[in-house]
Amino acid sequence: MNGWEIDNQNSVLVNLAELLNDRNHIAVEISGIIGTPVQIGHVGEYIASQVFSITLEESASTPAIDGFFQKAALEDSPSTSNGMQKGKTFLTLQFNRHL
């Protein structure tokens, strides 16, 4: 390697380190908003809870239920939500009044 290649590699690594630092600061801010670790599923659940007035379950490990709708038409209906997977945005809602 010549001196230019080493300098270029170092500048790429410095840039990468700065971007990772920025990402970590953004993740801390997002986590403060949503109240959970910044994972795409948690972010999707939070967004769905705000848009559809869903009260989320306290435990993220509750099987098949992420929360309950709070609006009259859907009140007490359990829901599950999914965020992004492989670049496609989707939301899965499952209704079962017999839980």
C-alpha atoms as a PDB file:
ATOM      1  CA  MET A   1       0.000   0.000   0.000  1.00  0.00           C
ATOM      2  CA  ASN A   2       1.177   3.457  -0.721  1.00  0.00           C
ATOM      3  CA  GLY A   3       0.627   6.484   1.494  1.00  0.00           C
ATOM      4  CA  TRP A   4      -2.458   7.642  -0.429  1.00  0.00           C
ATOM      5  CA  GLU A   5      -4.213   4.269   0.012  1.00  0.00           C
ATOM      6  CA  ILE A   6      -3.532   4.279   3.759  1.00  0.00           C
ATOM      7  CA  ASP A   7      -4.802   7.858   4.101  1.00  0.00           C
ATOM      8  CA  ASN A   8      -7.903   7.037   2.050  1.00  0.00           C
ATOM      9  CA  GLN A   9      -8.596   3.910   4.117  1.00  0.00           C
ATOM     10  CA  ASN A  10      -8.182   5.900   7.333  1.00  0.00           C
ATOM     11  CA  SER A  11     -10.563   8.619   6.137  1.00  0.00           C
ATOM     12  CA  VAL A  12     -13.166   5.960   5.244  1.00  0.00           C
ATOM     13  CA  LEU A  13     -12.807   4.416   8.717  1.00  0.00           C
ATOM     14  CA  VAL A  14     -13.032   7.823  10.388  1.00  0.00           C
ATOM     15  CA  ASN A  15     -16.188   8.591   8.371  1.00  0.00           C
ATOM     16  CA  LEU A  16     -17.662   5.207   9.311  1.00  0.00           C
ATOM     17  CA  ALA A  17     -16.892   5.817  12.991  1.00  0.00           C
ATOM     18  CA  GLU A  18     -18.578   9.229  12.843  1.00  0.00           C
ATOM     19  CA  LEU A  19     -21.676   7.736  11.172  1.00  0.00           C
ATOM     20  CA  LEU A  20     -21.887   4.971  13.794  1.00  0.00           C
ATOM     21  CA  ASN A  21     -21.581   7.562  16.539  1.00  0.00           C
ATOM     22  CA  ASP A  22     -24.413   9.577  14.965  1.00  0.00           C
ATOM     23  CA  ARG A  23     -26.538   6.425  14.656  1.00  0.00           C
ATOM     24  CA  ASN A  24     -25.982   5.593  18.324  1.00  0.00           C
ATOM     25  CA  HIS A  25     -27.059   9.085  19.393  1.00  0.00           C
ATOM     26  CA  ILE A  26     -30.182   8.828  17.214  1.00  0.00           C
ATOM     27  CA  ALA A  27     -30.964   5.372  18.670  1.00  0.00           C
ATOM     28  CA  VAL A  28     -30.804   6.805  22.199  1.00  0.00           C
ATOM     29  CA  GLU A  29     -33.255   9.562  21.220  1.00  0.00           C
ATOM     30  CA  ILE A  30     -35.651   7.100  19.528  1.00  0.00           C
ATOM     31  CA  SER A  31     -35.493   4.764  22.513  1.00  0.00           C
ATOM     32  CA  GLY A  32     -36.383   7.686  24.767  1.00  0.00           C
ATOM     33  CA  ILE A  33     -39.478   8.332  22.652  1.00  0.00           C
ATOM     34  CA  ILE A  34     -40.721   4.749  22.268  1.00  0.00           C
ATOM     35  CA  GLY A  35     -39.577   3.478  25.665  1.00  0.00           C
ATOM     36  CA  THR A  36     -38.006   0.282  24.303  1.00  0.00           C
ATOM     37  CA  PRO A  37     -34.795  -0.714  22.562  1.00  0.00           C
ATOM     38  CA  VAL A  38     -34.577   0.488  18.965  1.00  0.00           C
ATOM     39  CA  GLN A  39     -35.518  -2.588  16.963  1.00  0.00           C
ATOM     40  CA  ILE A  40     -37.704  -2.369  13.875  1.00  0.00           C
ATOM     41  CA  GLY A  41     -40.488  -4.397  15.494  1.00  0.00           C
ATOM     42  CA  HIS A  42     -40.596  -2.139  18.544  1.00  0.00           C
ATOM     43  CA  VAL A  43     -40.622   0.982  16.370  1.00  0.00           C
ATOM     44  CA  GLY A  44     -43.443  -0.452  14.237  1.00  0.00           C
ATOM     45  CA  GLU A  45     -45.483  -1.362  17.310  1.00  0.00           C
ATOM     46  CA  TYR A  46     -45.032   2.122  18.726  1.00  0.00           C
ATOM     47  CA  ILE A  47     -46.112   3.783  15.471  1.00  0.00           C
ATOM     48  CA  ALA A  48     -49.141   1.471  15.178  1.00  0.00           C
ATOM     49  CA  SER A  49     -50.071   2.184  18.805  1.00  0.00           C
ATOM     50  CA  GLN A  50     -50.077   5.919  18.131  1.00  0.00           C
ATOM     51  CA  VAL A  51     -51.923   5.764  14.800  1.00  0.00           C
ATOM     52  CA  PHE A  52     -54.553   3.194  15.813  1.00  0.00           C
ATOM     53  CA  SER A  53     -54.914   4.007  19.543  1.00  0.00           C
ATOM     54  CA  ILE A  54     -53.526   0.645  20.659  1.00  0.00           C
ATOM     55  CA  THR A  55     -52.429   0.124  24.250  1.00  0.00           C
ATOM     56  CA  LEU A  56     -49.371  -2.094  23.969  1.00  0.00           C
ATOM     57  CA  GLU A  57     -48.812  -5.084  26.219  1.00  0.00           C
ATOM     58  CA  GLU A  58     -46.187  -4.396  28.866  1.00  0.00           C
ATOM     59  CA  SER A  59     -44.286  -7.544  27.929  1.00  0.00           C
ATOM     60  CA  ALA A  60     -42.990  -7.826  24.378  1.00  0.00           C
ATOM     61  CA  SER A  61     -43.029 -11.614  24.788  1.00  0.00           C
ATOM     62  CA  THR A  62     -46.817 -12.000  25.174  1.00  0.00           C
ATOM     63  CA  PRO A  63     -47.694 -14.667  22.577  1.00  0.00           C
ATOM     64  CA  ALA A  64     -49.695 -13.443  19.545  1.00  0.00           C
ATOM     65  CA  ILE A  65     -50.757 -10.124  21.121  1.00  0.00           C
ATOM     66  CA  ASP A  66     -48.962  -6.800  20.981  1.00  0.00           C
ATOM     67  CA  GLY A  67     -51.780  -4.743  22.466  1.00  0.00           C
ATOM     68  CA  PHE A  68     -55.446  -3.794  22.476  1.00  0.00           C
ATOM     69  CA  PHE A  69     -57.357  -1.218  20.452  1.00  0.00           C
ATOM     70  CA  GLN A  70     -58.867   1.554  22.555  1.00  0.00           C
ATOM     71  CA  LYS A  71     -61.344   3.097  20.077  1.00  0.00           C
ATOM     72  CA  ALA A  72     -64.981   2.058  20.462  1.00  0.00           C
ATOM     73  CA  ALA A  73     -65.293   0.122  17.174  1.00  0.00           C
ATOM     74  CA  LEU A  74     -62.253  -2.003  17.959  1.00  0.00           C
ATOM     75  CA  GLU A  75     -62.143  -1.698  21.739  1.00  0.00           C
ATOM     76  CA  ASP A  76     -60.670  -4.688  23.554  1.00  0.00           C
ATOM     77  CA  SER A  77     -59.779  -6.418  20.273  1.00  0.00           C
ATOM     78  CA  PRO A  78     -56.260  -7.811  20.456  1.00  0.00           C
ATOM     79  CA  SER A  79     -53.856  -6.759  17.750  1.00  0.00           C
ATOM     80  CA  THR A  80     -50.465  -7.715  16.462  1.00  0.00           C
ATOM     81  CA  SER A  81     -48.372  -5.385  14.374  1.00  0.00           C
ATOM     82  CA  ASN A  82     -45.303  -5.854  12.243  1.00  0.00           C
ATOM     83  CA  GLY A  83     -42.997  -3.129  11.027  1.00  0.00           C
ATOM     84  CA  MET A  84     -40.586  -3.512   8.133  1.00  0.00           C
ATOM     85  CA  GLN A  85     -39.091  -6.692   6.842  1.00  0.00           C
ATOM     86  CA  LYS A  86     -36.692  -6.833   3.925  1.00  0.00           C
ATOM     87  CA  GLY A  87     -37.549  -3.297   2.839  1.00  0.00           C
ATOM     88  CA  LYS A  88     -41.322  -3.787   2.674  1.00  0.00           C
ATOM     89  CA  THR A  89     -43.624  -2.027   5.100  1.00  0.00           C
ATOM     90  CA  PHE A  90     -46.629  -3.956   6.309  1.00  0.00           C
ATOM     91  CA  LEU A  91     -49.034  -4.178   9.200  1.00  0.00           C
ATOM     92  CA  THR A  92     -50.752  -7.355  10.274  1.00  0.00           C
ATOM     93  CA  LEU A  93     -53.863  -7.001  12.372  1.00  0.00           C
ATOM     94  CA  GLN A  94     -55.485 -10.065  13.856  1.00  0.00           C
ATOM     95  CA  PHE A  95     -58.850  -9.826  15.569  1.00  0.00           C
ATOM     96  CA  ASN A  96     -60.164 -12.359  18.030  1.00  0.00           C
ATOM     97  CA  ARG A  97     -62.847 -11.352  20.493  1.00  0.00           C
ATOM     98  CA  HIS A  98     -62.735 -14.812  22.087  1.00  0.00           C
ATOM     99  CA  LEU A  99     -59.405 -14.456  23.896  1.00  0.00           C
END
